[in-house]
Protein backbone atom coordinates (compact mmCIF):
# COMPACT_ATOMS: atom_id res chain seq x y z
CA UNK A 1 -106.59 31.08 -56.36
CA UNK A 2 -104.31 29.73 -59.05
CA UNK A 3 -104.28 25.81 -59.04
CA UNK A 4 -101.68 23.78 -60.49
CA UNK A 5 -103.15 21.21 -63.37
CA UNK A 6 -103.49 17.76 -62.62
CA UNK A 7 -101.08 15.19 -63.52
CA UNK A 8 -103.58 13.93 -66.79
CA UNK A 9 -104.58 17.53 -67.90
CA UNK A 10 -100.49 18.18 -67.95
CA UNK A 11 -99.59 15.16 -69.13
CA UNK A 12 -101.69 16.11 -72.17
CA UNK A 13 -100.05 19.23 -72.52
CA UNK A 14 -96.81 17.67 -72.67
CA UNK A 15 -97.79 15.50 -75.46
CA UNK A 16 -99.56 18.55 -77.01
CA UNK A 17 -96.70 20.51 -76.61
CA UNK A 18 -94.46 17.63 -78.21
CA UNK A 19 -96.65 17.24 -81.24
CA UNK A 20 -96.48 21.14 -82.07
CA UNK A 21 -92.52 20.99 -81.95
CA UNK A 22 -92.72 18.24 -84.08
CA UNK A 23 -95.02 19.82 -86.57
CA UNK A 24 -92.34 22.85 -86.53
CA UNK A 25 -89.25 20.52 -86.68
CA UNK A 26 -90.65 18.69 -89.59
CA UNK A 27 -89.16 21.30 -92.67
CA UNK A 28 -85.77 20.79 -90.50
CA UNK A 29 -85.59 16.77 -89.94
CA UNK A 30 -87.28 16.14 -93.48
CA UNK A 31 -85.87 17.20 -96.76
CA UNK A 32 -85.04 16.28 -100.01
CA UNK A 33 -82.00 14.67 -101.24
CA UNK A 34 -80.59 13.27 -103.93
CA UNK A 35 -82.37 10.05 -103.07
CA UNK A 36 -85.79 12.00 -102.36
CA UNK A 37 -87.02 12.61 -98.98
CA UNK A 38 -84.30 11.91 -95.92
CA UNK A 39 -84.71 11.72 -92.41
CA UNK A 40 -82.09 13.63 -90.54
CA UNK A 41 -81.22 13.09 -87.02
CA UNK A 42 -83.28 10.08 -86.96
CA UNK A 43 -85.66 11.46 -84.76
CA UNK A 44 -88.83 10.41 -86.66
CA UNK A 45 -87.33 7.11 -87.47
CA UNK A 46 -88.47 3.72 -85.88
CA UNK A 47 -87.34 4.63 -82.63
CA UNK A 48 -89.80 7.55 -82.29
CA UNK A 49 -89.51 10.87 -80.98
CA UNK A 50 -87.42 9.94 -77.74
CA UNK A 51 -86.73 6.67 -78.19
CA UNK A 52 -88.59 3.32 -78.22
CA UNK A 53 -89.84 2.57 -74.04
CA UNK A 54 -89.36 6.11 -73.78
CA UNK A 55 -93.34 6.44 -72.92
CA UNK A 56 -93.72 4.21 -70.12
CA UNK A 57 -91.01 6.34 -67.65
CA UNK A 58 -92.56 9.29 -68.75
CA UNK A 59 -96.51 8.35 -67.95
CA UNK A 60 -95.52 6.86 -64.74
CA UNK A 61 -93.79 10.08 -63.91
CA UNK A 62 -96.75 12.53 -65.26
CA UNK A 63 -99.53 10.38 -63.80
CA UNK A 64 -97.91 8.12 -60.97
CA UNK A 65 -100.50 6.91 -58.96
CA UNK A 66 -103.54 6.61 -61.50
CA UNK A 67 -101.94 4.03 -64.06
CA UNK A 68 -102.45 0.81 -62.92
CA UNK A 69 -100.11 -1.38 -60.99
CA UNK A 70 -100.17 -4.34 -63.44
CA UNK A 71 -100.32 -7.97 -63.15
CA UNK A 72 -98.20 -10.96 -64.29
CA UNK A 73 -99.11 -12.11 -67.36
CA UNK A 74 -99.13 -15.49 -66.68
CA UNK A 75 -102.44 -14.69 -64.69
CA UNK A 76 -104.47 -13.53 -67.36
CA UNK A 77 -107.33 -15.47 -68.97
CA UNK A 78 -106.43 -17.28 -71.74
CA UNK A 79 -102.79 -16.19 -71.96
CA UNK A 80 -101.95 -17.44 -74.80
CA UNK A 81 -105.03 -16.16 -76.90
CA UNK A 82 -105.20 -13.12 -79.26
CA UNK A 83 -106.93 -10.61 -77.07
CA UNK A 84 -104.15 -11.65 -74.19
CA UNK A 85 -101.35 -11.02 -76.76
CA UNK A 86 -103.03 -7.64 -77.97
CA UNK A 87 -103.27 -6.33 -74.32
CA UNK A 88 -99.80 -7.25 -73.48
CA UNK A 89 -98.59 -5.67 -76.92
CA UNK A 90 -100.45 -2.39 -76.94
CA UNK A 91 -101.60 -1.24 -73.25
CA UNK A 92 -98.12 -1.91 -72.16
CA UNK A 93 -96.49 0.49 -74.24
CA UNK A 94 -97.58 3.30 -71.60
CA UNK A 95 -98.05 1.72 -68.80
CA UNK A 96 -98.49 -1.82 -66.70
CA UNK A 97 -100.15 -4.48 -67.97
CA UNK A 98 -104.15 -3.93 -66.84
CA UNK A 99 -106.55 -6.98 -65.52
CA UNK A 100 -109.66 -7.34 -67.60
CA UNK A 101 -111.34 -7.25 -64.40
CA UNK A 102 -110.40 -3.30 -63.93
CA UNK A 103 -113.57 -2.25 -65.66
CA UNK A 104 -116.85 -3.62 -66.33
CA UNK A 105 -117.89 -4.80 -69.73
CA UNK A 106 -119.76 -2.06 -70.37
CA UNK A 107 -117.06 0.42 -69.05
CA UNK A 108 -114.23 -1.10 -71.08
CA UNK A 109 -115.22 0.36 -74.85
CA UNK A 110 -114.81 4.06 -73.81
CA UNK A 111 -111.56 2.94 -71.88
CA UNK A 112 -110.30 1.36 -74.81
CA UNK A 113 -111.27 4.24 -77.13
CA UNK A 114 -109.69 6.51 -75.17
CA UNK A 115 -106.48 4.51 -75.01
CA UNK A 116 -106.12 3.93 -78.43
CA UNK A 117 -107.19 7.43 -79.74
CA UNK A 118 -103.76 8.32 -78.27
CA UNK A 119 -102.08 5.77 -79.28
CA UNK A 120 -103.36 6.79 -83.01
CA UNK A 121 -102.15 10.28 -82.45
CA UNK A 122 -98.87 9.49 -81.12
CA UNK A 123 -98.32 6.72 -83.66
CA UNK A 124 -99.32 9.33 -86.57
CA UNK A 125 -96.12 11.28 -85.40
CA UNK A 126 -93.92 8.25 -85.29
CA UNK A 127 -93.68 9.46 -81.05
CA UNK A 128 -91.36 7.01 -78.67
CA UNK A 129 -91.71 3.61 -81.12
CA UNK A 130 -95.88 3.94 -79.85
CA UNK A 131 -97.98 1.51 -82.02
CA UNK A 132 -101.63 1.63 -82.50
CA UNK A 133 -103.84 -1.31 -83.62
CA UNK A 134 -105.74 -2.04 -86.31
CA UNK A 135 -109.28 -2.38 -86.81
CA UNK A 136 -109.28 -6.28 -86.33
CA UNK A 137 -106.66 -5.88 -83.58
CA UNK A 138 -109.01 -3.24 -81.58
CA UNK A 139 -111.95 -5.61 -82.09
CA UNK A 140 -110.00 -8.85 -80.68
CA UNK A 141 -108.58 -6.77 -77.66
CA UNK A 142 -111.71 -5.44 -77.16
CA UNK A 143 -114.02 -8.53 -77.38
CA UNK A 144 -111.24 -10.23 -74.94
CA UNK A 145 -111.24 -7.62 -72.11
CA UNK A 146 -115.46 -7.57 -72.04
CA UNK A 147 -115.32 -11.19 -72.10
CA UNK A 148 -113.54 -11.26 -68.83
CA UNK A 149 -114.31 -7.96 -67.82
CA UNK A 150 -115.48 -7.25 -64.08
CA UNK A 151 -119.12 -8.99 -63.36
CA UNK A 152 -120.53 -6.05 -61.35
CA UNK A 153 -123.03 -6.87 -58.73
CA UNK A 154 -126.86 -6.97 -59.21
CA UNK A 155 -127.93 -5.71 -55.83
CA UNK A 156 -131.64 -6.36 -56.60
CA UNK A 157 -130.90 -10.18 -56.13
CA UNK A 158 -127.58 -9.67 -53.99
CA UNK A 159 -128.06 -10.77 -50.21
CA UNK A 160 -127.06 -9.56 -46.88
CA UNK A 161 -125.87 -6.37 -47.98
CA UNK A 162 -127.33 -4.98 -44.86
CA UNK A 163 -125.09 -7.19 -42.20
CA UNK A 164 -121.74 -5.73 -40.83
CA UNK A 165 -119.64 -8.04 -43.71
CA UNK A 166 -122.02 -6.76 -45.90
CA UNK A 167 -121.24 -3.32 -45.85
CA UNK A 168 -117.69 -3.52 -45.36
CA UNK A 169 -117.65 -5.39 -48.56
CA UNK A 170 -119.83 -2.28 -50.29
CA UNK A 171 -118.09 0.27 -48.47
CA UNK A 172 -114.25 -0.39 -49.49
CA UNK A 173 -115.14 -2.22 -52.70
CA UNK A 174 -117.00 0.76 -54.12
CA UNK A 175 -114.27 3.49 -53.40
CA UNK A 176 -112.53 2.43 -56.69
CA UNK A 177 -114.97 0.81 -59.26
CA UNK A 178 -118.35 -0.70 -59.16
CA UNK A 179 -119.01 -3.63 -56.60
CA UNK A 180 -118.13 -6.86 -58.21
CA UNK A 181 -120.11 -10.30 -57.99
CA UNK A 182 -118.67 -12.30 -55.75
CA UNK A 183 -119.82 -15.41 -58.16
CA UNK A 184 -116.88 -14.23 -60.80
CA UNK A 185 -113.99 -16.10 -58.19
CA UNK A 186 -114.00 -19.03 -56.52
CA UNK A 187 -113.85 -18.54 -52.45
CA UNK A 188 -109.73 -19.83 -52.93
CA UNK A 189 -109.42 -16.76 -55.41
CA UNK A 190 -110.79 -14.16 -53.37
CA UNK A 191 -107.76 -13.64 -51.19
CA UNK A 192 -105.52 -13.22 -53.51
CA UNK A 193 -107.59 -10.70 -55.44
CA UNK A 194 -108.47 -8.70 -52.19
CA UNK A 195 -104.77 -8.51 -51.51
CA UNK A 196 -103.63 -7.13 -55.11
CA UNK A 197 -106.90 -4.76 -54.24
CA UNK A 198 -105.39 -3.47 -51.29
CA UNK A 199 -102.19 -2.97 -52.93
CA UNK A 200 -104.02 -0.88 -56.02
CA UNK A 201 -105.27 1.43 -52.92
CA UNK A 202 -102.17 1.70 -51.37
CA UNK A 203 -100.79 2.79 -54.53
CA UNK A 204 -103.67 5.31 -55.65
CA UNK A 205 -103.90 7.09 -52.08
CA UNK A 206 -107.25 5.42 -50.91
CA UNK A 207 -107.93 4.84 -47.18
CA UNK A 208 -107.29 1.11 -46.72
CA UNK A 209 -109.08 -0.45 -44.13
CA UNK A 210 -108.29 -2.49 -40.99
CA UNK A 211 -107.21 -5.74 -41.44
CA UNK A 212 -110.72 -6.53 -39.58
CA UNK A 213 -112.51 -4.67 -42.18
CA UNK A 214 -110.67 -6.58 -44.97
CA UNK A 215 -111.28 -9.92 -43.06
CA UNK A 216 -115.24 -9.59 -42.98
CA UNK A 217 -114.90 -7.96 -46.89
CA UNK A 218 -113.17 -11.35 -47.74
CA UNK A 219 -115.53 -13.48 -45.72
CA UNK A 220 -118.37 -11.81 -47.52
CA UNK A 221 -117.03 -12.69 -50.98
CA UNK A 222 -115.86 -16.19 -50.33
CA UNK A 223 -119.38 -16.74 -48.48
CA UNK A 224 -121.19 -16.02 -51.89
CA UNK A 225 -118.10 -17.06 -54.56
CA UNK A 226 -117.97 -19.44 -57.31
CA UNK A 227 -118.34 -22.57 -56.49
CA UNK A 228 -116.26 -24.65 -58.83
CA UNK A 229 -114.13 -23.51 -61.95
CA UNK A 230 -111.26 -21.23 -61.79
CA UNK A 231 -112.38 -17.37 -61.76
CA UNK A 232 -110.44 -14.66 -64.25
CA UNK A 233 -108.45 -11.73 -63.01
């Protein structure tokens, strides 16, 4: 039985095909005139292969529910910091703004390396105006993501995981990521986080728990939440 390639594989094949086309077109697009090398048609100019801003809708069409839904930039921790600005500038070229809490500090390096490799590949060919971070910007971005990353739960010290609320928390939250430490947010912050996670599950086609289960998850998180201060996203 032949299977159709998944959206990620299909997307990379499309990008590879686009790169092959660009390489093949270079003798036509770039030629030597009286003033030296000239760019014919403007396809390889500042606008990129398909015009600046074309990457995000293309990625959305190819990968759909595999992409983050995005958050309001104002909710980022330290939104005016260099790390937050780098996150907004580079990561929103291809998809919506991800929350630093989308991954743990241990997970972020591999995710960032994968994303930056794609940006550098596309930037090298001026595809759709995609820009890649410098080494300094990359270090700043990764440090920011790791500083405000999701805090994974230490199961050895976690309390009441064998209760109905604890089991609801474990089974629900482990569908998409490592179990979060309730202490990374305050009790007042957790309802908004749970609602956002519910929307993420709906967008990604994950089974959404019944309202009573989500209430139990929220109750567990609030019981062991951070006592004071403001949590990150």
